[in-house]
Every structure is written in structure tokens, then in C-alpha cells.
């Protein structure tokens, strides 16, 4: 049975759930760099954006009863793949051991001018 998961520190910027759980799997929305203190999108450095995104992903997964260790697959969307190394440097600090499968793609634009967006699939 589908269970909707949302956290109070960051609110969706549209009509969607931050994550949905079904059959022990958690599917997150694409997470953009929303500062949990201000509620605003951070449009600066790719490293900072990636850190904010993964910190918010951790919070969503915690609300679902799991952690980054439960992540099976991520998809990273970037507006400029020349900044891949910067994103990857931060990403690798969150997924040190047994990292999930990952796809990274370049897109024309992301919500609210973000340079990075990350979605995940996890299993309890």
C-alpha cells in the first residue's frame, strides 16, 4: 500500500510528495538544493548545492525509516556536466562504502534555476 512521506523542514515547490513508499521501496522526488532554514533555493556553488540536496535526502529517508545506506539507485541531473567533478567530490563523502548505482545526465534546466537535482530509490 502506498505511503506518502514528507518532511517539514523543506516543502515541495509543486504538487508532489517528497517520497512514496510501497512494498518496502522508497522512491524520492528529484530533490533540489532547498535551504531548510530559509526555505529558499540555493543557486550558488555546485558543491554547496550537492551537500544541501544530500542532507535533505537523508532527512527524507530518515522520515521513511531508513538512511543513505539503504539507497539502491540515484539519478543526478545537472545543467552543466563540466561541473561533474565538483558534484562527485561531495557525493562521494555521503556514499563512502558500497555506493548505490548512479546515472548522471545533463539537462537544459532544473526547477528554480538549480544546477543539480538528485532522486533516489531505497529499500528498507
PDB file of N, CA and C in Angstrom:
ATOM      1  N   UNK A   1       0.832  -1.177   0.000  1.00  0.00           N
ATOM      2  CA  UNK A   1       0.000   0.000   0.000  1.00  0.00           C
ATOM      3  C   UNK A   1       0.881   1.246   0.000  1.00  0.00           C
ATOM      4  N   UNK A   2       0.580   2.193  -0.830  1.00  0.00           N
ATOM      5  CA  UNK A   2       1.358   3.418  -0.983  1.00  0.00           C
ATOM      6  C   UNK A   2       1.273   4.300   0.269  1.00  0.00           C
ATOM      7  N   UNK A   3       2.448   4.749   0.726  1.00  0.00           N
ATOM      8  CA  UNK A   3       2.535   5.650   1.880  1.00  0.00           C
ATOM      9  C   UNK A   3       3.303   6.890   1.445  1.00  0.00           C
ATOM     10  N   UNK A   4       2.732   8.051   1.659  1.00  0.00           N
ATOM     11  CA  UNK A   4       3.365   9.317   1.303  1.00  0.00           C
ATOM     12  C   UNK A   4       4.276   9.768   2.432  1.00  0.00           C
ATOM     13  N   UNK A   5       5.470  10.258   2.058  1.00  0.00           N
ATOM     14  CA  UNK A   5       6.458  10.717   3.036  1.00  0.00           C
ATOM     15  C   UNK A   5       6.838  12.153   2.705  1.00  0.00           C
ATOM     16  N   UNK A   6       6.682  13.036   3.676  1.00  0.00           N
ATOM     17  CA  UNK A   6       7.107  14.431   3.547  1.00  0.00           C
ATOM     18  C   UNK A   6       7.796  14.839   4.841  1.00  0.00           C
ATOM     19  N   UNK A   7       8.715  15.783   4.736  1.00  0.00           N
ATOM     20  CA  UNK A   7       9.360  16.334   5.929  1.00  0.00           C
ATOM     21  C   UNK A   7       8.960  17.791   6.057  1.00  0.00           C
ATOM     22  N   UNK A   8       9.008  18.302   7.257  1.00  0.00           N
ATOM     23  CA  UNK A   8       8.546  19.673   7.489  1.00  0.00           C
ATOM     24  C   UNK A   8       9.615  20.726   7.220  1.00  0.00           C
ATOM     25  N   UNK A   9      10.889  20.343   7.182  1.00  0.00           N
ATOM     26  CA  UNK A   9      11.939  21.355   7.022  1.00  0.00           C
ATOM     27  C   UNK A   9      12.041  21.886   5.591  1.00  0.00           C
ATOM     28  N   UNK A  10      11.639  21.102   4.618  1.00  0.00           N
ATOM     29  CA  UNK A  10      11.605  21.573   3.231  1.00  0.00           C
ATOM     30  C   UNK A  10      10.266  21.174   2.636  1.00  0.00           C
ATOM     31  N   UNK A  11       9.593  22.127   2.050  1.00  0.00           N
ATOM     32  CA  UNK A  11       8.278  21.857   1.487  1.00  0.00           C
ATOM     33  C   UNK A  11       8.381  21.720  -0.026  1.00  0.00           C
ATOM     34  N   UNK A  12       7.586  20.811  -0.620  1.00  0.00           N
ATOM     35  CA  UNK A  12       7.591  20.682  -2.075  1.00  0.00           C
ATOM     36  C   UNK A  12       7.242  22.015  -2.743  1.00  0.00           C
ATOM     37  N   UNK A  13       7.835  22.261  -3.906  1.00  0.00           N
ATOM     38  CA  UNK A  13       7.552  23.501  -4.635  1.00  0.00           C
ATOM     39  C   UNK A  13       6.479  23.282  -5.696  1.00  0.00           C
ATOM     40  N   UNK A  14       5.818  22.130  -5.646  1.00  0.00           N
ATOM     41  CA  UNK A  14       4.759  21.813  -6.592  1.00  0.00           C
ATOM     42  C   UNK A  14       3.832  20.771  -5.994  1.00  0.00           C
ATOM     43  N   UNK A  15       3.012  20.199  -6.847  1.00  0.00           N
ATOM     44  CA  UNK A  15       2.032  19.203  -6.426  1.00  0.00           C
ATOM     45  C   UNK A  15       2.647  17.805  -6.522  1.00  0.00           C
ATOM     46  N   UNK A  16       3.389  17.425  -5.489  1.00  0.00           N
ATOM     47  CA  UNK A  16       4.021  16.108  -5.435  1.00  0.00           C
ATOM     48  C   UNK A  16       4.400  15.784  -3.999  1.00  0.00           C
ATOM     49  N   UNK A  17       4.688  14.528  -3.754  1.00  0.00           N
ATOM     50  CA  UNK A  17       5.183  14.085  -2.455  1.00  0.00           C
ATOM     51  C   UNK A  17       6.700  14.032  -2.511  1.00  0.00           C
ATOM     52  N   UNK A  18       7.363  14.256  -1.392  1.00  0.00           N
ATOM     53  CA  UNK A  18       8.819  14.183  -1.368  1.00  0.00           C
ATOM     54  C   UNK A  18       9.309  12.754  -1.543  1.00  0.00           C
ATOM     55  N   UNK A  19       8.497  11.798  -1.100  1.00  0.00           N
ATOM     56  CA  UNK A  19       8.813  10.387  -1.315  1.00  0.00           C
ATOM     57  C   UNK A  19       7.531   9.585  -1.183  1.00  0.00           C
ATOM     58  N   UNK A  20       7.571   8.401  -1.773  1.00  0.00           N
ATOM     59  CA  UNK A  20       6.462   7.462  -1.663  1.00  0.00           C
ATOM     60  C   UNK A  20       7.067   6.098  -1.348  1.00  0.00           C
ATOM     61  N   UNK A  21       6.470   5.419  -0.376  1.00  0.00           N
ATOM     62  CA  UNK A  21       6.924   4.070  -0.027  1.00  0.00           C
ATOM     63  C   UNK A  21       5.857   3.074  -0.446  1.00  0.00           C
ATOM     64  N   UNK A  22       6.302   1.971  -1.023  1.00  0.00           N
ATOM     65  CA  UNK A  22       5.401   0.877  -1.372  1.00  0.00           C
ATOM     66  C   UNK A  22       6.219  -0.406  -1.431  1.00  0.00           C
ATOM     67  N   UNK A  23       5.757  -1.434  -0.759  1.00  0.00           N
ATOM     68  CA  UNK A  23       6.434  -2.725  -0.785  1.00  0.00           C
ATOM     69  C   UNK A  23       7.856  -2.681  -0.262  1.00  0.00           C
ATOM     70  N   UNK A  24       8.134  -1.778   0.676  1.00  0.00           N
ATOM     71  CA  UNK A  24       9.481  -1.671   1.240  1.00  0.00           C
ATOM     72  C   UNK A  24      10.431  -0.814   0.426  1.00  0.00           C
ATOM     73  N   UNK A  25       9.987  -0.344  -0.736  1.00  0.00           N
ATOM     74  CA  UNK A  25      10.807   0.547  -1.563  1.00  0.00           C
ATOM     75  C   UNK A  25      10.395   1.991  -1.319  1.00  0.00           C
ATOM     76  N   UNK A  26      11.368   2.875  -1.285  1.00  0.00           N
ATOM     77  CA  UNK A  26      11.123   4.308  -1.152  1.00  0.00           C
ATOM     78  C   UNK A  26      11.608   4.970  -2.425  1.00  0.00           C
ATOM     79  N   UNK A  27      10.716   5.716  -3.070  1.00  0.00           N
ATOM     80  CA  UNK A  27      11.025   6.453  -4.288  1.00  0.00           C
ATOM     81  C   UNK A  27      10.959   7.938  -3.948  1.00  0.00           C
ATOM     82  N   UNK A  28      12.085   8.633  -4.058  1.00  0.00           N
ATOM     83  CA  UNK A  28      12.070  10.058  -3.737  1.00  0.00           C
ATOM     84  C   UNK A  28      11.827  10.880  -4.997  1.00  0.00           C
ATOM     85  N   UNK A  29      11.340  12.056  -4.764  1.00  0.00           N
ATOM     86  CA  UNK A  29      11.235  13.027  -5.834  1.00  0.00           C
ATOM     87  C   UNK A  29      12.638  13.513  -6.178  1.00  0.00           C
ATOM     88  N   UNK A  30      12.767  14.239  -7.254  1.00  0.00           N
ATOM     89  CA  UNK A  30      14.031  14.909  -7.511  1.00  0.00           C
ATOM     90  C   UNK A  30      14.197  16.011  -6.483  1.00  0.00           C
ATOM     91  N   UNK A  31      15.276  15.978  -5.740  1.00  0.00           N
ATOM     92  CA  UNK A  31      15.496  16.948  -4.670  1.00  0.00           C
ATOM     93  C   UNK A  31      16.438  18.025  -5.165  1.00  0.00           C
ATOM     94  N   UNK A  32      16.008  19.272  -5.008  1.00  0.00           N
ATOM     95  CA  UNK A  32      16.827  20.424  -5.377  1.00  0.00           C
ATOM     96  C   UNK A  32      17.372  21.053  -4.099  1.00  0.00           C
ATOM     97  N   UNK A  33      18.353  21.960  -4.209  1.00  0.00           N
ATOM     98  CA  UNK A  33      19.014  22.487  -3.013  1.00  0.00           C
ATOM     99  C   UNK A  33      18.201  23.544  -2.257  1.00  0.00           C
ATOM    100  N   UNK A  34      17.238  23.069  -1.484  1.00  0.00           N
ATOM    101  CA  UNK A  34      16.434  23.974  -0.663  1.00  0.00           C
ATOM    102  C   UNK A  34      17.098  24.100   0.700  1.00  0.00           C
ATOM    103  N   UNK A  35      17.371  25.311   1.097  1.00  0.00           N
ATOM    104  CA  UNK A  35      17.950  25.566   2.412  1.00  0.00           C
ATOM    105  C   UNK A  35      16.855  25.351   3.455  1.00  0.00           C
ATOM    106  N   UNK A  36      17.020  24.397   4.385  1.00  0.00           N
ATOM    107  CA  UNK A  36      15.969  24.118   5.362  1.00  0.00           C
ATOM    108  C   UNK A  36      15.715  25.268   6.344  1.00  0.00           C
ATOM    109  N   UNK A  37      16.661  26.186   6.471  1.00  0.00           N
ATOM    110  CA  UNK A  37      16.481  27.328   7.378  1.00  0.00           C
ATOM    111  C   UNK A  37      15.619  28.407   6.722  1.00  0.00           C
ATOM    112  N   UNK A  38      15.941  28.741   5.472  1.00  0.00           N
ATOM    113  CA  UNK A  38      15.218  29.821   4.787  1.00  0.00           C
ATOM    114  C   UNK A  38      14.073  29.326   3.917  1.00  0.00           C
ATOM    115  N   UNK A  39      14.121  28.047   3.525  1.00  0.00           N
ATOM    116  CA  UNK A  39      13.107  27.518   2.619  1.00  0.00           C
ATOM    117  C   UNK A  39      13.313  27.941   1.172  1.00  0.00           C
ATOM    118  N   UNK A  40      14.418  28.613   0.909  1.00  0.00           N
ATOM    119  CA  UNK A  40      14.710  29.111  -0.434  1.00  0.00           C
ATOM    120  C   UNK A  40      15.700  28.202  -1.149  1.00  0.00           C
ATOM    121  N   UNK A  41      15.649  28.235  -2.464  1.00  0.00           N
ATOM    122  CA  UNK A  41      16.606  27.501  -3.286  1.00  0.00           C
ATOM    123  C   UNK A  41      17.957  28.202  -3.193  1.00  0.00           C
ATOM    124  N   UNK A  42      19.020  27.410  -3.026  1.00  0.00           N
ATOM    125  CA  UNK A  42      20.381  27.935  -3.037  1.00  0.00           C
ATOM    126  C   UNK A  42      20.911  27.779  -4.453  1.00  0.00           C
ATOM    127  N   UNK A  43      21.213  28.882  -5.110  1.00  0.00           N
ATOM    128  CA  UNK A  43      21.660  28.848  -6.502  1.00  0.00           C
ATOM    129  C   UNK A  43      23.142  29.115  -6.671  1.00  0.00           C
ATOM    130  N   UNK A  44      23.931  28.832  -5.667  1.00  0.00           N
ATOM    131  CA  UNK A  44      25.365  29.092  -5.748  1.00  0.00           C
ATOM    132  C   UNK A  44      26.163  27.880  -6.182  1.00  0.00           C
ATOM    133  N   UNK A  45      27.293  27.742  -5.582  1.00  0.00           N
ATOM    134  CA  UNK A  45      28.281  26.706  -5.853  1.00  0.00           C
ATOM    135  C   UNK A  45      27.677  25.301  -5.935  1.00  0.00           C
ATOM    136  N   UNK A  46      28.094  24.526  -6.936  1.00  0.00           N
ATOM    137  CA  UNK A  46      27.604  23.160  -7.140  1.00  0.00           C
ATOM    138  C   UNK A  46      27.914  22.272  -5.940  1.00  0.00           C
ATOM    139  N   UNK A  47      29.048  22.477  -5.297  1.00  0.00           N
ATOM    140  CA  UNK A  47      29.392  21.677  -4.116  1.00  0.00           C
ATOM    141  C   UNK A  47      28.380  21.910  -2.995  1.00  0.00           C
ATOM    142  N   UNK A  48      28.058  23.172  -2.756  1.00  0.00           N
ATOM    143  CA  UNK A  48      27.099  23.504  -1.698  1.00  0.00           C
ATOM    144  C   UNK A  48      25.714  22.980  -2.068  1.00  0.00           C
ATOM    145  N   UNK A  49      25.338  23.115  -3.332  1.00  0.00           N
ATOM    146  CA  UNK A  49      24.041  22.597  -3.774  1.00  0.00           C
ATOM    147  C   UNK A  49      23.956  21.094  -3.527  1.00  0.00           C
ATOM    148  N   UNK A  50      24.994  20.370  -3.910  1.00  0.00           N
ATOM    149  CA  UNK A  50      25.006  18.920  -3.746  1.00  0.00           C
ATOM    150  C   UNK A  50      24.920  18.538  -2.273  1.00  0.00           C
ATOM    151  N   UNK A  51      25.645  19.252  -1.411  1.00  0.00           N
ATOM    152  CA  UNK A  51      25.589  18.973   0.025  1.00  0.00           C
ATOM    153  C   UNK A  51      24.187  19.206   0.587  1.00  0.00           C
ATOM    154  N   UNK A  52      23.550  20.310   0.197  1.00  0.00           N
ATOM    155  CA  UNK A  52      22.183  20.592   0.653  1.00  0.00           C
ATOM    156  C   UNK A  52      21.216  19.507   0.190  1.00  0.00           C
ATOM    157  N   UNK A  53      21.349  19.110  -1.069  1.00  0.00           N
ATOM    158  CA  UNK A  53      20.470  18.086  -1.624  1.00  0.00           C
ATOM    159  C   UNK A  53      20.613  16.778  -0.855  1.00  0.00           C
ATOM    160  N   UNK A  54      21.838  16.335  -0.658  1.00  0.00           N
ATOM    161  CA  UNK A  54      22.053  15.046   0.005  1.00  0.00           C
ATOM    162  C   UNK A  54      21.686  15.097   1.483  1.00  0.00           C
ATOM    163  N   UNK A  55      21.851  16.242   2.113  1.00  0.00           N
ATOM    164  CA  UNK A  55      21.405  16.402   3.503  1.00  0.00           C
ATOM    165  C   UNK A  55      19.878  16.310   3.568  1.00  0.00           C
ATOM    166  N   UNK A  56      19.197  16.944   2.607  1.00  0.00           N
ATOM    167  CA  UNK A  56      17.737  16.864   2.558  1.00  0.00           C
ATOM    168  C   UNK A  56      17.279  15.449   2.205  1.00  0.00           C
ATOM    169  N   UNK A  57      18.018  14.766   1.330  1.00  0.00           N
ATOM    170  CA  UNK A  57      17.698  13.374   1.007  1.00  0.00           C
ATOM    171  C   UNK A  57      17.804  12.510   2.263  1.00  0.00           C
ATOM    172  N   UNK A  58      18.841  12.715   3.054  1.00  0.00           N
ATOM    173  CA  UNK A  58      18.990  11.983   4.318  1.00  0.00           C
ATOM    174  C   UNK A  58      17.771  12.188   5.219  1.00  0.00           C
ATOM    175  N   UNK A  59      17.295  13.426   5.285  1.00  0.00           N
ATOM    176  CA  UNK A  59      16.137  13.731   6.142  1.00  0.00           C
ATOM    177  C   UNK A  59      14.879  13.028   5.638  1.00  0.00           C
ATOM    178  N   UNK A  60      14.677  13.002   4.338  1.00  0.00           N
ATOM    179  CA  UNK A  60      13.511  12.313   3.773  1.00  0.00           C
ATOM    180  C   UNK A  60      13.600  10.818   4.066  1.00  0.00           C
ATOM    181  N   UNK A  61      14.771  10.234   3.858  1.00  0.00           N
ATOM    182  CA  UNK A  61      14.948   8.808   4.113  1.00  0.00           C
ATOM    183  C   UNK A  61      14.781   8.480   5.594  1.00  0.00           C
ATOM    184  N   UNK A  62      15.260   9.356   6.464  1.00  0.00           N
ATOM    185  CA  UNK A  62      15.089   9.142   7.905  1.00  0.00           C
ATOM    186  C   UNK A  62      13.599   9.127   8.256  1.00  0.00           C
ATOM    187  N   UNK A  63      12.850  10.041   7.665  1.00  0.00           N
ATOM    188  CA  UNK A  63      11.403  10.085   7.891  1.00  0.00           C
ATOM    189  C   UNK A  63      10.740   8.778   7.433  1.00  0.00           C
ATOM    190  N   UNK A  64      11.329   8.151   6.414  1.00  0.00           N
ATOM    191  CA  UNK A  64      10.810   6.883   5.889  1.00  0.00           C
ATOM    192  C   UNK A  64      11.301   5.680   6.692  1.00  0.00           C
ATOM    193  N   UNK A  65      12.191   5.926   7.660  1.00  0.00           N
ATOM    194  CA  UNK A  65      12.688   4.841   8.498  1.00  0.00           C
ATOM    195  C   UNK A  65      13.924   4.151   7.958  1.00  0.00           C
ATOM    196  N   UNK A  66      14.686   4.837   7.141  1.00  0.00           N
ATOM    197  CA  UNK A  66      15.934   4.252   6.643  1.00  0.00           C
ATOM    198  C   UNK A  66      16.987   5.343   6.497  1.00  0.00           C
ATOM    199  N   UNK A  67      18.062   5.055   5.763  1.00  0.00           N
ATOM    200  CA  UNK A  67      19.163   6.007   5.644  1.00  0.00           C
ATOM    201  C   UNK A  67      19.783   5.917   4.259  1.00  0.00           C
ATOM    202  N   UNK A  68      20.846   6.673   4.057  1.00  0.00           N
ATOM    203  CA  UNK A  68      21.555   6.627   2.776  1.00  0.00           C
ATOM    204  C   UNK A  68      22.108   5.233   2.491  1.00  0.00           C
ATOM    205  N   UNK A  69      22.368   4.450   3.531  1.00  0.00           N
ATOM    206  CA  UNK A  69      22.870   3.081   3.339  1.00  0.00           C
ATOM    207  C   UNK A  69      21.845   2.194   2.631  1.00  0.00           C
ATOM    208  N   UNK A  70      20.572   2.600   2.658  1.00  0.00           N
ATOM    209  CA  UNK A  70      19.510   1.839   2.014  1.00  0.00           C
ATOM    210  C   UNK A  70      19.308   2.215   0.546  1.00  0.00           C
ATOM    211  N   UNK A  71      20.018   3.220   0.074  1.00  0.00           N
ATOM    212  CA  UNK A  71      19.822   3.691  -1.303  1.00  0.00           C
ATOM    213  C   UNK A  71      20.402   2.688  -2.290  1.00  0.00           C
ATOM    214  N   UNK A  72      19.571   2.283  -3.233  1.00  0.00           N
ATOM    215  CA  UNK A  72      19.978   1.340  -4.272  1.00  0.00           C
ATOM    216  C   UNK A  72      20.419   2.048  -5.547  1.00  0.00           C
ATOM    217  N   UNK A  73      19.765   3.174  -5.870  1.00  0.00           N
ATOM    218  CA  UNK A  73      20.000   3.850  -7.149  1.00  0.00           C
ATOM    219  C   UNK A  73      19.720   5.330  -6.996  1.00  0.00           C
ATOM    220  N   UNK A  74      20.563   6.142  -7.592  1.00  0.00           N
ATOM    221  CA  UNK A  74      20.291   7.576  -7.677  1.00  0.00           C
ATOM    222  C   UNK A  74      20.354   8.001  -9.137  1.00  0.00           C
ATOM    223  N   UNK A  75      19.656   9.075  -9.421  1.00  0.00           N
ATOM    224  CA  UNK A  75      19.788   9.753 -10.707  1.00  0.00           C
ATOM    225  C   UNK A  75      20.137  11.193 -10.393  1.00  0.00           C
ATOM    226  N   UNK A  76      21.235  11.650 -10.967  1.00  0.00           N
ATOM    227  CA  UNK A  76      21.701  13.023 -10.765  1.00  0.00           C
ATOM    228  C   UNK A  76      21.465  13.777 -12.059  1.00  0.00           C
ATOM    229  N   UNK A  77      20.762  14.891 -11.949  1.00  0.00           N
ATOM    230  CA  UNK A  77      20.516  15.770 -13.087  1.00  0.00           C
ATOM    231  C   UNK A  77      21.364  17.015 -12.887  1.00  0.00           C
ATOM    232  N   UNK A  78      22.110  17.404 -13.910  1.00  0.00           N
ATOM    233  CA  UNK A  78      22.956  18.592 -13.827  1.00  0.00           C
ATOM    234  C   UNK A  78      22.744  19.452 -15.067  1.00  0.00           C
ATOM    235  N   UNK A  79      22.830  20.753 -14.894  1.00  0.00           N
ATOM    236  CA  UNK A  79      22.709  21.641 -16.052  1.00  0.00           C
ATOM    237  C   UNK A  79      24.041  21.838 -16.752  1.00  0.00           C
ATOM    238  N   UNK A  80      25.138  21.412 -16.120  1.00  0.00           N
ATOM    239  CA  UNK A  80      26.461  21.576 -16.717  1.00  0.00           C
ATOM    240  C   UNK A  80      27.381  20.448 -16.248  1.00  0.00           C
ATOM    241  N   UNK A  81      27.573  19.464 -17.114  1.00  0.00           N
ATOM    242  CA  UNK A  81      28.397  18.313 -16.730  1.00  0.00           C
ATOM    243  C   UNK A  81      29.876  18.645 -16.589  1.00  0.00           C
ATOM    244  N   UNK A  82      30.286  19.842 -16.993  1.00  0.00           N
ATOM    245  CA  UNK A  82      31.681  20.212 -16.737  1.00  0.00           C
ATOM    246  C   UNK A  82      31.915  20.391 -15.242  1.00  0.00           C
ATOM    247  N   UNK A  83      30.835  20.472 -14.456  1.00  0.00           N
ATOM    248  CA  UNK A  83      30.948  20.592 -13.004  1.00  0.00           C
ATOM    249  C   UNK A  83      30.752  19.241 -12.301  1.00  0.00           C
ATOM    250  N   UNK A  84      30.818  18.159 -13.071  1.00  0.00           N
ATOM    251  CA  UNK A  84      30.634  16.817 -12.529  1.00  0.00           C
ATOM    252  C   UNK A  84      31.623  16.520 -11.401  1.00  0.00           C
ATOM    253  N   UNK A  85      32.886  16.871 -11.575  1.00  0.00           N
ATOM    254  CA  UNK A  85      33.901  16.566 -10.562  1.00  0.00           C
ATOM    255  C   UNK A  85      33.572  17.222  -9.224  1.00  0.00           C
ATOM    256  N   UNK A  86      33.063  18.445  -9.252  1.00  0.00           N
ATOM    257  CA  UNK A  86      32.697  19.143  -8.019  1.00  0.00           C
ATOM    258  C   UNK A  86      31.531  18.440  -7.325  1.00  0.00           C
ATOM    259  N   UNK A  87      30.506  18.077  -8.110  1.00  0.00           N
ATOM    260  CA  UNK A  87      29.363  17.359  -7.556  1.00  0.00           C
ATOM    261  C   UNK A  87      29.812  16.015  -6.993  1.00  0.00           C
ATOM    262  N   UNK A  88      30.628  15.294  -7.759  1.00  0.00           N
ATOM    263  CA  UNK A  88      31.059  13.955  -7.371  1.00  0.00           C
ATOM    264  C   UNK A  88      31.923  13.972  -6.111  1.00  0.00           C
ATOM    265  N   UNK A  89      32.714  15.015  -5.932  1.00  0.00           N
ATOM    266  CA  UNK A  89      33.556  15.117  -4.731  1.00  0.00           C
ATOM    267  C   UNK A  89      32.694  15.144  -3.473  1.00  0.00           C
ATOM    268  N   UNK A  90      31.596  15.885  -3.512  1.00  0.00           N
ATOM    269  CA  UNK A  90      30.694  15.949  -2.357  1.00  0.00           C
ATOM    270  C   UNK A  90      29.874  14.659  -2.255  1.00  0.00           C
ATOM    271  N   UNK A  91      29.348  14.211  -3.372  1.00  0.00           N
ATOM    272  CA  UNK A  91      28.532  12.991  -3.418  1.00  0.00           C
ATOM    273  C   UNK A  91      29.276  11.823  -2.776  1.00  0.00           C
ATOM    274  N   UNK A  92      30.545  11.699  -3.097  1.00  0.00           N
ATOM    275  CA  UNK A  92      31.330  10.563  -2.593  1.00  0.00           C
ATOM    276  C   UNK A  92      31.519  10.607  -1.078  1.00  0.00           C
ATOM    277  N   UNK A  93      31.397  11.773  -0.446  1.00  0.00           N
ATOM    278  CA  UNK A  93      31.504  11.842   1.015  1.00  0.00           C
ATOM    279  C   UNK A  93      30.232  11.325   1.690  1.00  0.00           C
ATOM    280  N   UNK A  94      29.111  11.349   0.986  1.00  0.00           N
ATOM    281  CA  UNK A  94      27.853  10.841   1.536  1.00  0.00           C
ATOM    282  C   UNK A  94      27.698   9.344   1.289  1.00  0.00           C
ATOM    283  N   UNK A  95      28.309   8.841   0.215  1.00  0.00           N
ATOM    284  CA  UNK A  95      28.216   7.424  -0.139  1.00  0.00           C
ATOM    285  C   UNK A  95      29.621   6.838  -0.182  1.00  0.00           C
ATOM    286  N   UNK A  96      30.242   6.687   0.988  1.00  0.00           N
ATOM    287  CA  UNK A  96      31.631   6.228   1.074  1.00  0.00           C
ATOM    288  C   UNK A  96      31.770   4.730   0.798  1.00  0.00           C
ATOM    289  N   UNK A  97      30.956   3.922   1.454  1.00  0.00           N
ATOM    290  CA  UNK A  97      31.052   2.468   1.334  1.00  0.00           C
ATOM    291  C   UNK A  97      29.869   1.926   0.547  1.00  0.00           C
ATOM    292  N   UNK A  98      30.138   1.037  -0.375  1.00  0.00           N
ATOM    293  CA  UNK A  98      29.088   0.401  -1.169  1.00  0.00           C
ATOM    294  C   UNK A  98      28.113   1.417  -1.759  1.00  0.00           C
ATOM    295  N   UNK A  99      28.606   2.343  -2.577  1.00  0.00           N
ATOM    296  CA  UNK A  99      27.717   3.360  -3.132  1.00  0.00           C
ATOM    297  C   UNK A  99      26.642   2.741  -4.022  1.00  0.00           C
ATOM    298  N   UNK A 100      25.518   3.445  -4.155  1.00  0.00           N
ATOM    299  CA  UNK A 100      24.443   2.931  -4.991  1.00  0.00           C
ATOM    300  C   UNK A 100      24.800   3.038  -6.478  1.00  0.00           C
ATOM    301  N   UNK A 101      24.024   2.354  -7.299  1.00  0.00           N
ATOM    302  CA  UNK A 101      24.126   2.569  -8.740  1.00  0.00           C
ATOM    303  C   UNK A 101      23.728   4.024  -9.002  1.00  0.00           C
ATOM    304  N   UNK A 102      24.295   4.616 -10.046  1.00  0.00           N
ATOM    305  CA  UNK A 102      24.005   6.034 -10.309  1.00  0.00           C
ATOM    306  C   UNK A 102      24.017   6.301 -11.801  1.00  0.00           C
ATOM    307  N   UNK A 103      23.104   7.152 -12.213  1.00  0.00           N
ATOM    308  CA  UNK A 103      23.101   7.706 -13.557  1.00  0.00           C
ATOM    309  C   UNK A 103      23.197   9.216 -13.409  1.00  0.00           C
ATOM    310  N   UNK A 104      24.037   9.846 -14.200  1.00  0.00           N
ATOM    311  CA  UNK A 104      24.141  11.303 -14.197  1.00  0.00           C
ATOM    312  C   UNK A 104      23.890  11.791 -15.613  1.00  0.00           C
ATOM    313  N   UNK A 105      22.979  12.750 -15.748  1.00  0.00           N
ATOM    314  CA  UNK A 105      22.648  13.282 -17.070  1.00  0.00           C
ATOM    315  C   UNK A 105      22.645  14.799 -17.041  1.00  0.00           C
ATOM    316  N   UNK A 106      22.950  15.386 -18.190  1.00  0.00           N
ATOM    317  CA  UNK A 106      22.861  16.836 -18.329  1.00  0.00           C
ATOM    318  C   UNK A 106      21.499  17.180 -18.903  1.00  0.00           C
ATOM    319  N   UNK A 107      20.884  18.209 -18.324  1.00  0.00           N
ATOM    320  CA  UNK A 107      19.573  18.673 -18.768  1.00  0.00           C
ATOM    321  C   UNK A 107      19.646  20.163 -19.080  1.00  0.00           C
ATOM    322  N   UNK A 108      18.673  20.658 -19.816  1.00  0.00           N
ATOM    323  CA  UNK A 108      18.675  22.069 -20.218  1.00  0.00           C
ATOM    324  C   UNK A 108      18.427  23.004 -19.039  1.00  0.00           C
ATOM    325  N   UNK A 109      17.557  22.606 -18.128  1.00  0.00           N
ATOM    326  CA  UNK A 109      17.227  23.471 -16.989  1.00  0.00           C
ATOM    327  C   UNK A 109      16.616  22.619 -15.883  1.00  0.00           C
ATOM    328  N   UNK A 110      16.691  23.144 -14.648  1.00  0.00           N
ATOM    329  CA  UNK A 110      16.090  22.498 -13.485  1.00  0.00           C
ATOM    330  C   UNK A 110      15.231  23.504 -12.736  1.00  0.00           C
ATOM    331  N   UNK A 111      14.363  23.016 -11.877  1.00  0.00           N
ATOM    332  CA  UNK A 111      13.448  23.868 -11.120  1.00  0.00           C
ATOM    333  C   UNK A 111      14.176  24.969 -10.360  1.00  0.00           C
ATOM    334  N   UNK A 112      13.602  26.150 -10.416  1.00  0.00           N
ATOM    335  CA  UNK A 112      14.088  27.313  -9.659  1.00  0.00           C
ATOM    336  C   UNK A 112      15.545  27.665  -9.947  1.00  0.00           C
ATOM    337  N   UNK A 113      16.058  27.290 -11.122  1.00  0.00           N
ATOM    338  CA  UNK A 113      17.414  27.656 -11.500  1.00  0.00           C
ATOM    339  C   UNK A 113      18.509  26.827 -10.862  1.00  0.00           C
ATOM    340  N   UNK A 114      18.141  25.721 -10.239  1.00  0.00           N
ATOM    341  CA  UNK A 114      19.131  24.841  -9.612  1.00  0.00           C
ATOM    342  C   UNK A 114      20.084  24.283 -10.663  1.00  0.00           C
ATOM    343  N   UNK A 115      21.319  24.022 -10.258  1.00  0.00           N
ATOM    344  CA  UNK A 115      22.308  23.407 -11.151  1.00  0.00           C
ATOM    345  C   UNK A 115      22.348  21.896 -10.991  1.00  0.00           C
ATOM    346  N   UNK A 116      21.784  21.387  -9.874  1.00  0.00           N
ATOM    347  CA  UNK A 116      21.810  19.956  -9.564  1.00  0.00           C
ATOM    348  C   UNK A 116      20.457  19.552  -8.982  1.00  0.00           C
ATOM    349  N   UNK A 117      20.047  18.332  -9.302  1.00  0.00           N
ATOM    350  CA  UNK A 117      18.858  17.713  -8.707  1.00  0.00           C
ATOM    351  C   UNK A 117      19.156  16.220  -8.596  1.00  0.00           C
ATOM    352  N   UNK A 118      18.774  15.625  -7.475  1.00  0.00           N
ATOM    353  CA  UNK A 118      19.057  14.200  -7.276  1.00  0.00           C
ATOM    354  C   UNK A 118      17.798  13.497  -6.790  1.00  0.00           C
ATOM    355  N   UNK A 119      17.492  12.352  -7.420  1.00  0.00           N
ATOM    356  CA  UNK A 119      16.401  11.494  -6.953  1.00  0.00           C
ATOM    357  C   UNK A 119      16.985  10.147  -6.562  1.00  0.00           C
ATOM    358  N   UNK A 120      16.264   9.408  -5.726  1.00  0.00           N
ATOM    359  CA  UNK A 120      16.802   8.140  -5.230  1.00  0.00           C
ATOM    360  C   UNK A 120      15.721   7.083  -5.096  1.00  0.00           C
ATOM    361  N   UNK A 121      16.164   5.840  -5.147  1.00  0.00           N
ATOM    362  CA  UNK A 121      15.329   4.691  -4.837  1.00  0.00           C
ATOM    363  C   UNK A 121      16.057   3.944  -3.718  1.00  0.00           C
ATOM    364  N   UNK A 122      15.323   3.680  -2.634  1.00  0.00           N
ATOM    365  CA  UNK A 122      15.900   2.975  -1.492  1.00  0.00           C
ATOM    366  C   UNK A 122      14.996   1.812  -1.127  1.00  0.00           C
ATOM    367  N   UNK A 123      15.526   0.878  -0.363  1.00  0.00           N
ATOM    368  CA  UNK A 123      14.745  -0.258   0.123  1.00  0.00           C
ATOM    369  C   UNK A 123      15.038  -0.467   1.605  1.00  0.00           C
ATOM    370  N   UNK A 124      13.972  -0.598   2.360  1.00  0.00           N
ATOM    371  CA  UNK A 124      14.117  -0.838   3.805  1.00  0.00           C
ATOM    372  C   UNK A 124      14.712  -2.206   4.061  1.00  0.00           C
TER     373      UNK A 124
END
